[in-house]
Amino acid sequence: IYDTLPRQFSTWLSVGRLDYASEGLLLLTDSPVIADALMHSDLEREYYLKVKGTVSKQVIEAMQNGLEIKNEKKGAHAKTKITSMSFAPFIDFEIFGSSGGYTKLRVVINEGKNRELRRFFGHFDLEVMDLKRVAFGALDLGMLKAGKHRYLENGEYEKLRDFLKFNEIRY
């Protein structure tokens, strides 16, 4: 992403990451302390997804109750050595509908594990075709177009400072 941003951001850190097949909100900061605090927080992350297949009752139950997988790499990066993962219950989700062999949905989680949603849905043989992060905590992508950037607004800075103060994070 750095090649699309002004040079002044070349040393900034991303808060988490989006894999090559994902898009959406990605926060940048010049503070390693803030980046680490946000990455390892339980702030909600909201995504829009399109999966290949139909979301079954079993998938809905796992979204509601959480899931534990062992000895499985479905949805993971081909070179990963991690074969087990725990998934907390989703904070919220909404299934928009299915057509043409695909299902569109919105999910809200409060973890940021690597390829977490791809692995969750992969467990049920649902391939994630599109994945877009639209919100992270109090920050919302809004109408910002792909490849564009903006600074935080005053109210967003206030919420970030409140989060840091509440969690006793000195930056």
N, C-alpha and C. Protein backbone atom coordinates (compact mmCIF):
# COMPACT_ATOMS: atom_id res chain seq x y z
N ILE A 1 0.81 -1.21 0.00
CA ILE A 1 0.00 0.00 0.00
C ILE A 1 0.85 1.27 0.00
N TYR A 2 2.08 1.15 0.51
CA TYR A 2 2.89 2.35 0.69
C TYR A 2 3.22 3.04 -0.63
N ASP A 3 3.24 2.30 -1.71
CA ASP A 3 3.54 2.92 -3.00
C ASP A 3 2.40 3.80 -3.51
N THR A 4 1.23 3.70 -2.89
CA THR A 4 0.10 4.53 -3.29
C THR A 4 -0.07 5.75 -2.39
N LEU A 5 0.74 5.84 -1.33
CA LEU A 5 0.62 6.93 -0.36
C LEU A 5 1.71 7.97 -0.55
N PRO A 6 1.48 9.19 -0.07
CA PRO A 6 2.54 10.20 -0.11
C PRO A 6 3.78 9.70 0.65
N ARG A 7 4.94 10.14 0.22
CA ARG A 7 6.22 9.68 0.77
C ARG A 7 6.31 9.82 2.30
N GLN A 8 5.65 10.83 2.86
CA GLN A 8 5.74 11.07 4.30
C GLN A 8 5.21 9.90 5.13
N PHE A 9 4.42 9.02 4.53
CA PHE A 9 3.87 7.88 5.26
C PHE A 9 4.71 6.61 5.11
N SER A 10 5.83 6.68 4.42
CA SER A 10 6.60 5.48 4.11
C SER A 10 7.15 4.77 5.34
N THR A 11 7.28 5.46 6.45
CA THR A 11 7.81 4.82 7.66
C THR A 11 6.71 4.51 8.68
N TRP A 12 5.48 4.81 8.34
CA TRP A 12 4.38 4.55 9.26
C TRP A 12 4.09 3.06 9.32
N LEU A 13 3.49 2.63 10.41
CA LEU A 13 3.16 1.22 10.63
C LEU A 13 1.68 0.98 10.38
N SER A 14 1.38 -0.17 9.82
CA SER A 14 -0.03 -0.52 9.65
C SER A 14 -0.52 -1.21 10.91
N VAL A 15 -1.76 -0.97 11.25
CA VAL A 15 -2.39 -1.62 12.39
C VAL A 15 -3.04 -2.88 11.84
N GLY A 16 -2.36 -4.00 12.02
CA GLY A 16 -2.81 -5.24 11.42
C GLY A 16 -2.50 -5.20 9.94
N ARG A 17 -3.14 -6.10 9.22
CA ARG A 17 -2.91 -6.15 7.78
C ARG A 17 -4.12 -6.73 7.09
N LEU A 18 -4.15 -6.54 5.81
CA LEU A 18 -5.16 -7.17 4.96
C LEU A 18 -4.38 -8.02 3.98
N ASP A 19 -4.76 -9.28 3.82
CA ASP A 19 -4.02 -10.12 2.88
C ASP A 19 -4.29 -9.68 1.45
N TYR A 20 -3.56 -10.25 0.53
CA TYR A 20 -3.61 -9.81 -0.87
C TYR A 20 -5.00 -9.89 -1.48
N ALA A 21 -5.85 -10.74 -0.95
CA ALA A 21 -7.18 -10.93 -1.53
C ALA A 21 -8.26 -10.18 -0.75
N SER A 22 -7.84 -9.27 0.12
CA SER A 22 -8.78 -8.50 0.95
C SER A 22 -8.65 -7.02 0.63
N GLU A 23 -9.63 -6.26 1.07
CA GLU A 23 -9.59 -4.81 0.87
C GLU A 23 -10.26 -4.14 2.05
N GLY A 24 -10.15 -2.82 2.08
CA GLY A 24 -10.88 -2.08 3.09
C GLY A 24 -10.01 -1.25 4.00
N LEU A 25 -10.55 -0.98 5.18
CA LEU A 25 -9.95 -0.07 6.14
C LEU A 25 -8.65 -0.62 6.69
N LEU A 26 -7.61 0.18 6.58
CA LEU A 26 -6.31 -0.15 7.15
C LEU A 26 -5.78 1.11 7.81
N LEU A 27 -5.55 1.04 9.11
CA LEU A 27 -5.07 2.20 9.86
C LEU A 27 -3.55 2.26 9.80
N LEU A 28 -3.02 3.47 9.73
CA LEU A 28 -1.58 3.70 9.77
C LEU A 28 -1.27 4.64 10.92
N THR A 29 -0.13 4.42 11.57
CA THR A 29 0.30 5.28 12.67
C THR A 29 1.82 5.38 12.66
N ASP A 30 2.32 6.46 13.24
CA ASP A 30 3.77 6.59 13.39
C ASP A 30 4.21 6.12 14.78
N SER A 31 3.29 5.57 15.56
CA SER A 31 3.59 5.13 16.92
C SER A 31 3.50 3.61 17.05
N PRO A 32 4.64 2.94 17.28
CA PRO A 32 4.60 1.49 17.49
C PRO A 32 3.73 1.09 18.69
N VAL A 33 3.69 1.94 19.71
CA VAL A 33 2.88 1.65 20.90
C VAL A 33 1.40 1.63 20.54
N ILE A 34 0.96 2.62 19.78
CA ILE A 34 -0.45 2.68 19.38
C ILE A 34 -0.78 1.53 18.44
N ALA A 35 0.10 1.24 17.49
CA ALA A 35 -0.14 0.13 16.56
C ALA A 35 -0.31 -1.17 17.33
N ASP A 36 0.58 -1.43 18.28
CA ASP A 36 0.51 -2.67 19.06
C ASP A 36 -0.76 -2.72 19.91
N ALA A 37 -1.10 -1.60 20.54
CA ALA A 37 -2.30 -1.56 21.39
C ALA A 37 -3.56 -1.85 20.59
N LEU A 38 -3.67 -1.27 19.41
CA LEU A 38 -4.85 -1.50 18.58
C LEU A 38 -4.89 -2.92 18.03
N MET A 39 -3.74 -3.42 17.57
CA MET A 39 -3.70 -4.77 16.99
C MET A 39 -4.09 -5.84 18.00
N HIS A 40 -3.69 -5.63 19.24
CA HIS A 40 -3.94 -6.65 20.27
C HIS A 40 -5.13 -6.31 21.16
N SER A 41 -5.97 -5.44 20.68
CA SER A 41 -7.16 -5.05 21.46
C SER A 41 -8.34 -5.94 21.10
N ASP A 42 -9.40 -5.77 21.88
CA ASP A 42 -10.64 -6.48 21.55
C ASP A 42 -11.64 -5.53 20.88
N LEU A 43 -11.12 -4.48 20.25
CA LEU A 43 -12.00 -3.57 19.50
C LEU A 43 -12.68 -4.34 18.37
N GLU A 44 -13.90 -3.96 18.11
CA GLU A 44 -14.67 -4.66 17.08
C GLU A 44 -14.14 -4.33 15.69
N ARG A 45 -14.13 -5.37 14.84
CA ARG A 45 -13.77 -5.23 13.44
C ARG A 45 -14.97 -5.71 12.63
N GLU A 46 -15.43 -4.88 11.70
CA GLU A 46 -16.60 -5.23 10.90
C GLU A 46 -16.18 -5.50 9.46
N TYR A 47 -16.73 -6.58 8.90
CA TYR A 47 -16.38 -7.00 7.55
C TYR A 47 -17.62 -7.31 6.73
N TYR A 48 -17.53 -7.08 5.43
CA TYR A 48 -18.50 -7.59 4.47
C TYR A 48 -17.81 -8.71 3.71
N LEU A 49 -18.51 -9.84 3.56
CA LEU A 49 -17.94 -11.00 2.89
C LEU A 49 -18.87 -11.54 1.83
N LYS A 50 -18.26 -12.22 0.88
CA LYS A 50 -19.01 -13.05 -0.06
C LYS A 50 -18.33 -14.40 -0.03
N VAL A 51 -19.09 -15.44 0.30
CA VAL A 51 -18.54 -16.79 0.35
C VAL A 51 -19.18 -17.64 -0.74
N LYS A 52 -18.41 -18.59 -1.21
CA LYS A 52 -18.92 -19.52 -2.22
C LYS A 52 -19.65 -20.64 -1.50
N GLY A 53 -20.95 -20.72 -1.70
CA GLY A 53 -21.77 -21.72 -1.04
C GLY A 53 -22.86 -21.07 -0.20
N THR A 54 -23.53 -21.90 0.56
CA THR A 54 -24.64 -21.46 1.40
C THR A 54 -24.27 -21.59 2.87
N VAL A 55 -24.59 -20.58 3.65
CA VAL A 55 -24.32 -20.60 5.09
C VAL A 55 -25.37 -21.50 5.74
N SER A 56 -24.91 -22.60 6.32
CA SER A 56 -25.80 -23.59 6.92
C SER A 56 -26.11 -23.25 8.38
N LYS A 57 -27.02 -24.01 8.95
CA LYS A 57 -27.35 -23.86 10.37
C LYS A 57 -26.11 -24.12 11.23
N GLN A 58 -25.27 -25.05 10.79
CA GLN A 58 -24.04 -25.37 11.53
C GLN A 58 -23.09 -24.16 11.56
N VAL A 59 -23.00 -23.44 10.46
CA VAL A 59 -22.15 -22.24 10.41
C VAL A 59 -22.73 -21.16 11.32
N ILE A 60 -24.03 -20.98 11.28
CA ILE A 60 -24.69 -19.98 12.13
C ILE A 60 -24.44 -20.30 13.61
N GLU A 61 -24.56 -21.56 13.98
CA GLU A 61 -24.31 -21.96 15.38
C GLU A 61 -22.87 -21.66 15.77
N ALA A 62 -21.92 -21.90 14.87
CA ALA A 62 -20.51 -21.62 15.16
C ALA A 62 -20.27 -20.11 15.29
N MET A 63 -20.96 -19.31 14.47
CA MET A 63 -20.83 -17.85 14.60
C MET A 63 -21.38 -17.39 15.95
N GLN A 64 -22.44 -18.03 16.42
CA GLN A 64 -23.06 -17.66 17.69
C GLN A 64 -22.28 -18.16 18.90
N ASN A 65 -21.69 -19.35 18.79
CA ASN A 65 -21.10 -20.01 19.95
C ASN A 65 -19.58 -20.10 19.95
N GLY A 66 -18.94 -19.81 18.83
CA GLY A 66 -17.50 -19.97 18.72
C GLY A 66 -17.17 -21.33 18.13
N LEU A 67 -15.88 -21.53 17.86
CA LEU A 67 -15.45 -22.75 17.17
C LEU A 67 -14.00 -23.04 17.50
N GLU A 68 -13.68 -24.29 17.60
CA GLU A 68 -12.32 -24.75 17.82
C GLU A 68 -11.97 -25.69 16.67
N ILE A 69 -10.88 -25.40 15.96
CA ILE A 69 -10.45 -26.33 14.92
C ILE A 69 -9.06 -26.87 15.27
N LYS A 70 -8.83 -28.11 14.91
CA LYS A 70 -7.55 -28.76 15.18
C LYS A 70 -7.11 -29.52 13.94
N ASN A 71 -5.82 -29.50 13.69
CA ASN A 71 -5.22 -30.24 12.57
C ASN A 71 -5.91 -29.93 11.25
N GLU A 72 -6.05 -28.66 10.98
CA GLU A 72 -6.74 -28.24 9.76
C GLU A 72 -6.11 -26.96 9.23
N LYS A 73 -5.99 -26.87 7.90
CA LYS A 73 -5.40 -25.68 7.29
C LYS A 73 -6.31 -25.05 6.24
N LYS A 74 -7.56 -25.47 6.16
CA LYS A 74 -8.47 -24.89 5.17
C LYS A 74 -8.58 -23.38 5.39
N GLY A 75 -8.41 -22.63 4.32
CA GLY A 75 -8.50 -21.17 4.40
C GLY A 75 -7.22 -20.50 4.84
N ALA A 76 -6.25 -21.29 5.31
CA ALA A 76 -4.98 -20.72 5.77
C ALA A 76 -4.05 -20.49 4.59
N HIS A 77 -3.01 -19.71 4.82
CA HIS A 77 -1.98 -19.53 3.81
C HIS A 77 -1.30 -20.88 3.59
N ALA A 78 -0.91 -21.16 2.37
CA ALA A 78 -0.34 -22.46 2.01
C ALA A 78 0.88 -22.82 2.84
N LYS A 79 1.67 -21.82 3.28
CA LYS A 79 2.91 -22.10 4.00
C LYS A 79 2.76 -22.07 5.52
N THR A 80 1.54 -21.90 6.01
CA THR A 80 1.37 -21.79 7.46
C THR A 80 1.69 -23.11 8.16
N LYS A 81 2.18 -23.00 9.37
CA LYS A 81 2.42 -24.18 10.20
C LYS A 81 1.37 -24.30 11.29
N ILE A 82 0.50 -23.30 11.37
CA ILE A 82 -0.55 -23.29 12.38
C ILE A 82 -1.72 -24.13 11.89
N THR A 83 -2.02 -25.19 12.63
CA THR A 83 -3.09 -26.10 12.21
C THR A 83 -4.29 -26.08 13.14
N SER A 84 -4.19 -25.36 14.24
CA SER A 84 -5.30 -25.28 15.20
C SER A 84 -5.60 -23.81 15.48
N MET A 85 -6.87 -23.53 15.70
CA MET A 85 -7.26 -22.14 15.98
C MET A 85 -8.58 -22.13 16.73
N SER A 86 -8.70 -21.20 17.67
CA SER A 86 -9.95 -20.98 18.39
C SER A 86 -10.60 -19.71 17.87
N PHE A 87 -11.91 -19.76 17.71
CA PHE A 87 -12.68 -18.61 17.24
C PHE A 87 -13.72 -18.27 18.29
N ALA A 88 -13.65 -17.06 18.79
CA ALA A 88 -14.66 -16.59 19.75
C ALA A 88 -15.99 -16.42 19.02
N PRO A 89 -17.09 -16.43 19.76
CA PRO A 89 -18.37 -16.13 19.11
C PRO A 89 -18.30 -14.76 18.42
N PHE A 90 -18.95 -14.64 17.29
CA PHE A 90 -18.99 -13.36 16.59
C PHE A 90 -19.81 -12.38 17.43
N ILE A 91 -19.43 -11.13 17.43
CA ILE A 91 -20.17 -10.10 18.14
C ILE A 91 -21.53 -9.91 17.49
N ASP A 92 -21.54 -9.93 16.17
CA ASP A 92 -22.77 -9.75 15.41
C ASP A 92 -22.56 -10.31 14.01
N PHE A 93 -23.63 -10.66 13.34
CA PHE A 93 -23.56 -11.06 11.94
C PHE A 93 -24.93 -10.90 11.32
N GLU A 94 -24.92 -10.74 10.01
CA GLU A 94 -26.16 -10.61 9.26
C GLU A 94 -25.94 -11.28 7.91
N ILE A 95 -26.85 -12.17 7.56
CA ILE A 95 -26.79 -12.83 6.26
C ILE A 95 -27.71 -12.06 5.32
N PHE A 96 -27.13 -11.50 4.27
CA PHE A 96 -27.91 -10.69 3.34
C PHE A 96 -28.68 -11.53 2.33
N GLY A 97 -28.20 -12.74 2.08
CA GLY A 97 -28.90 -13.62 1.15
C GLY A 97 -27.93 -14.39 0.27
N SER A 98 -28.49 -15.35 -0.45
CA SER A 98 -27.71 -16.21 -1.33
C SER A 98 -28.29 -16.16 -2.73
N SER A 99 -27.40 -16.16 -3.72
CA SER A 99 -27.83 -16.28 -5.11
C SER A 99 -26.63 -16.67 -5.95
N GLY A 100 -26.89 -17.43 -7.00
CA GLY A 100 -25.84 -17.83 -7.91
C GLY A 100 -24.74 -18.64 -7.27
N GLY A 101 -25.05 -19.33 -6.18
CA GLY A 101 -24.05 -20.15 -5.51
C GLY A 101 -23.18 -19.40 -4.51
N TYR A 102 -23.52 -18.15 -4.22
CA TYR A 102 -22.75 -17.33 -3.28
C TYR A 102 -23.66 -16.77 -2.20
N THR A 103 -23.07 -16.50 -1.03
CA THR A 103 -23.80 -15.88 0.07
C THR A 103 -23.05 -14.62 0.49
N LYS A 104 -23.79 -13.53 0.68
CA LYS A 104 -23.20 -12.28 1.16
C LYS A 104 -23.61 -12.08 2.61
N LEU A 105 -22.65 -11.63 3.42
CA LEU A 105 -22.94 -11.40 4.83
C LEU A 105 -22.05 -10.32 5.41
N ARG A 106 -22.46 -9.86 6.56
CA ARG A 106 -21.71 -8.89 7.37
C ARG A 106 -21.39 -9.57 8.68
N VAL A 107 -20.14 -9.47 9.13
CA VAL A 107 -19.77 -10.04 10.42
C VAL A 107 -19.00 -9.02 11.23
N VAL A 108 -19.16 -9.11 12.54
CA VAL A 108 -18.41 -8.26 13.47
C VAL A 108 -17.71 -9.19 14.45
N ILE A 109 -16.39 -9.08 14.51
CA ILE A 109 -15.59 -9.89 15.44
C ILE A 109 -14.72 -8.94 16.26
N ASN A 110 -14.12 -9.46 17.33
CA ASN A 110 -13.25 -8.59 18.11
C ASN A 110 -11.86 -9.19 18.29
N GLU A 111 -11.45 -9.96 17.31
CA GLU A 111 -10.09 -10.49 17.27
C GLU A 111 -9.51 -10.12 15.92
N GLY A 112 -8.23 -10.26 15.78
CA GLY A 112 -7.59 -9.94 14.51
C GLY A 112 -6.56 -10.97 14.11
N LYS A 113 -6.89 -12.23 14.27
CA LYS A 113 -5.95 -13.29 13.92
C LYS A 113 -5.75 -13.37 12.41
N ASN A 114 -4.57 -13.82 12.02
CA ASN A 114 -4.22 -13.93 10.61
C ASN A 114 -5.17 -14.87 9.88
N ARG A 115 -5.81 -14.36 8.83
CA ARG A 115 -6.72 -15.12 7.97
C ARG A 115 -7.85 -15.79 8.77
N GLU A 116 -8.23 -15.16 9.85
CA GLU A 116 -9.22 -15.71 10.77
C GLU A 116 -10.54 -16.05 10.07
N LEU A 117 -11.08 -15.12 9.32
CA LEU A 117 -12.38 -15.38 8.68
C LEU A 117 -12.26 -16.40 7.55
N ARG A 118 -11.16 -16.37 6.81
CA ARG A 118 -10.96 -17.37 5.76
C ARG A 118 -10.87 -18.77 6.36
N ARG A 119 -10.22 -18.88 7.51
CA ARG A 119 -10.11 -20.20 8.16
C ARG A 119 -11.44 -20.64 8.77
N PHE A 120 -12.14 -19.69 9.38
CA PHE A 120 -13.43 -20.02 9.97
C PHE A 120 -14.36 -20.59 8.90
N PHE A 121 -14.56 -19.85 7.83
CA PHE A 121 -15.48 -20.31 6.79
C PHE A 121 -14.92 -21.50 6.01
N GLY A 122 -13.60 -21.56 5.87
CA GLY A 122 -12.96 -22.70 5.21
C GLY A 122 -13.25 -24.00 5.92
N HIS A 123 -13.36 -23.94 7.24
CA HIS A 123 -13.69 -25.14 8.02
C HIS A 123 -15.00 -25.76 7.54
N PHE A 124 -15.89 -24.93 7.05
CA PHE A 124 -17.20 -25.40 6.57
C PHE A 124 -17.23 -25.52 5.04
N ASP A 125 -16.04 -25.56 4.44
CA ASP A 125 -15.91 -25.65 2.98
C ASP A 125 -16.57 -24.49 2.25
N LEU A 126 -16.55 -23.32 2.88
CA LEU A 126 -17.04 -22.09 2.26
C LEU A 126 -15.83 -21.21 1.95
N GLU A 127 -15.53 -21.05 0.68
CA GLU A 127 -14.39 -20.24 0.29
C GLU A 127 -14.78 -18.76 0.31
N VAL A 128 -13.97 -17.95 0.98
CA VAL A 128 -14.20 -16.51 1.02
C VAL A 128 -13.73 -15.93 -0.31
N MET A 129 -14.66 -15.40 -1.07
CA MET A 129 -14.35 -14.84 -2.39
C MET A 129 -14.03 -13.34 -2.30
N ASP A 130 -14.76 -12.63 -1.47
CA ASP A 130 -14.54 -11.19 -1.25
C ASP A 130 -14.55 -10.93 0.24
N LEU A 131 -13.62 -10.09 0.69
CA LEU A 131 -13.53 -9.74 2.10
C LEU A 131 -13.14 -8.27 2.19
N LYS A 132 -13.98 -7.48 2.85
CA LYS A 132 -13.72 -6.05 2.98
C LYS A 132 -13.93 -5.62 4.42
N ARG A 133 -12.87 -5.07 5.04
CA ARG A 133 -13.01 -4.51 6.39
C ARG A 133 -13.59 -3.11 6.24
N VAL A 134 -14.72 -2.87 6.90
CA VAL A 134 -15.39 -1.58 6.78
C VAL A 134 -15.33 -0.75 8.06
N ALA A 135 -14.95 -1.37 9.18
CA ALA A 135 -14.84 -0.62 10.43
C ALA A 135 -13.84 -1.30 11.35
N PHE A 136 -13.19 -0.48 12.17
CA PHE A 136 -12.26 -0.95 13.19
C PHE A 136 -12.50 -0.07 14.40
N GLY A 137 -13.09 -0.65 15.46
CA GLY A 137 -13.45 0.16 16.61
C GLY A 137 -14.43 1.24 16.20
N ALA A 138 -14.15 2.48 16.59
CA ALA A 138 -15.04 3.60 16.27
C ALA A 138 -14.75 4.19 14.89
N LEU A 139 -13.78 3.64 14.18
CA LEU A 139 -13.41 4.17 12.87
C LEU A 139 -14.14 3.41 11.78
N ASP A 140 -14.72 4.17 10.86
CA ASP A 140 -15.56 3.59 9.81
C ASP A 140 -15.02 4.02 8.44
N LEU A 141 -14.99 3.10 7.51
CA LEU A 141 -14.51 3.39 6.16
C LEU A 141 -15.38 4.42 5.46
N GLY A 142 -16.67 4.40 5.76
CA GLY A 142 -17.58 5.35 5.13
C GLY A 142 -17.55 5.25 3.62
N MET A 143 -17.50 6.38 2.95
CA MET A 143 -17.53 6.42 1.49
C MET A 143 -16.14 6.53 0.86
N LEU A 144 -15.10 6.32 1.67
CA LEU A 144 -13.74 6.42 1.15
C LEU A 144 -13.51 5.35 0.08
N LYS A 145 -13.05 5.77 -1.06
CA LYS A 145 -12.85 4.87 -2.20
C LYS A 145 -11.57 4.06 -2.03
N ALA A 146 -11.50 2.91 -2.68
CA ALA A 146 -10.31 2.05 -2.67
C ALA A 146 -9.11 2.85 -3.17
N GLY A 147 -7.98 2.68 -2.48
CA GLY A 147 -6.76 3.35 -2.88
C GLY A 147 -6.62 4.77 -2.36
N LYS A 148 -7.64 5.29 -1.68
CA LYS A 148 -7.61 6.65 -1.14
C LYS A 148 -7.30 6.60 0.36
N HIS A 149 -6.89 7.73 0.90
CA HIS A 149 -6.60 7.81 2.33
C HIS A 149 -7.16 9.12 2.88
N ARG A 150 -7.25 9.15 4.20
CA ARG A 150 -7.66 10.38 4.88
C ARG A 150 -7.10 10.36 6.29
N TYR A 151 -7.02 11.53 6.89
CA TYR A 151 -6.62 11.65 8.29
C TYR A 151 -7.84 11.41 9.17
N LEU A 152 -7.59 11.06 10.43
CA LEU A 152 -8.69 10.92 11.37
C LEU A 152 -9.32 12.28 11.62
N GLU A 153 -10.61 12.27 11.87
CA GLU A 153 -11.32 13.49 12.24
C GLU A 153 -11.15 13.72 13.73
N ASN A 154 -11.44 14.94 14.20
CA ASN A 154 -11.25 15.27 15.62
C ASN A 154 -11.96 14.30 16.55
N GLY A 155 -13.21 13.98 16.25
CA GLY A 155 -13.95 13.05 17.10
C GLY A 155 -13.32 11.66 17.13
N GLU A 156 -12.74 11.24 16.02
CA GLU A 156 -12.07 9.93 15.96
C GLU A 156 -10.79 9.95 16.79
N TYR A 157 -10.05 11.08 16.74
CA TYR A 157 -8.87 11.22 17.60
C TYR A 157 -9.26 11.15 19.06
N GLU A 158 -10.36 11.81 19.43
CA GLU A 158 -10.83 11.79 20.81
C GLU A 158 -11.13 10.36 21.26
N LYS A 159 -11.81 9.60 20.43
CA LYS A 159 -12.13 8.21 20.77
C LYS A 159 -10.87 7.37 20.89
N LEU A 160 -9.89 7.62 20.03
CA LEU A 160 -8.62 6.90 20.12
C LEU A 160 -7.91 7.25 21.43
N ARG A 161 -7.87 8.53 21.77
CA ARG A 161 -7.24 8.94 23.04
C ARG A 161 -7.98 8.33 24.24
N ASP A 162 -9.31 8.29 24.18
CA ASP A 162 -10.09 7.67 25.26
C ASP A 162 -9.73 6.20 25.40
N PHE A 163 -9.61 5.50 24.27
CA PHE A 163 -9.24 4.08 24.29
C PHE A 163 -7.87 3.89 24.94
N LEU A 164 -6.91 4.71 24.54
CA LEU A 164 -5.55 4.60 25.08
C LEU A 164 -5.53 4.92 26.57
N LYS A 165 -6.26 5.95 26.98
CA LYS A 165 -6.32 6.32 28.39
C LYS A 165 -6.99 5.22 29.21
N PHE A 166 -8.12 4.71 28.73
CA PHE A 166 -8.85 3.65 29.43
C PHE A 166 -7.96 2.42 29.64
N ASN A 167 -7.14 2.11 28.65
CA ASN A 167 -6.27 0.93 28.72
C ASN A 167 -4.90 1.25 29.29
N GLU A 168 -4.75 2.48 29.82
CA GLU A 168 -3.51 2.93 30.46
C GLU A 168 -2.30 2.74 29.57
N ILE A 169 -2.45 3.13 28.31
CA ILE A 169 -1.37 3.00 27.33
C ILE A 169 -0.73 4.37 27.17
N ARG A 170 0.57 4.43 27.43
CA ARG A 170 1.32 5.68 27.29
C ARG A 170 1.99 5.68 25.93
N TYR A 171 1.83 6.75 25.23
CA TYR A 171 2.40 6.85 23.89
C TYR A 171 3.19 8.12 23.73
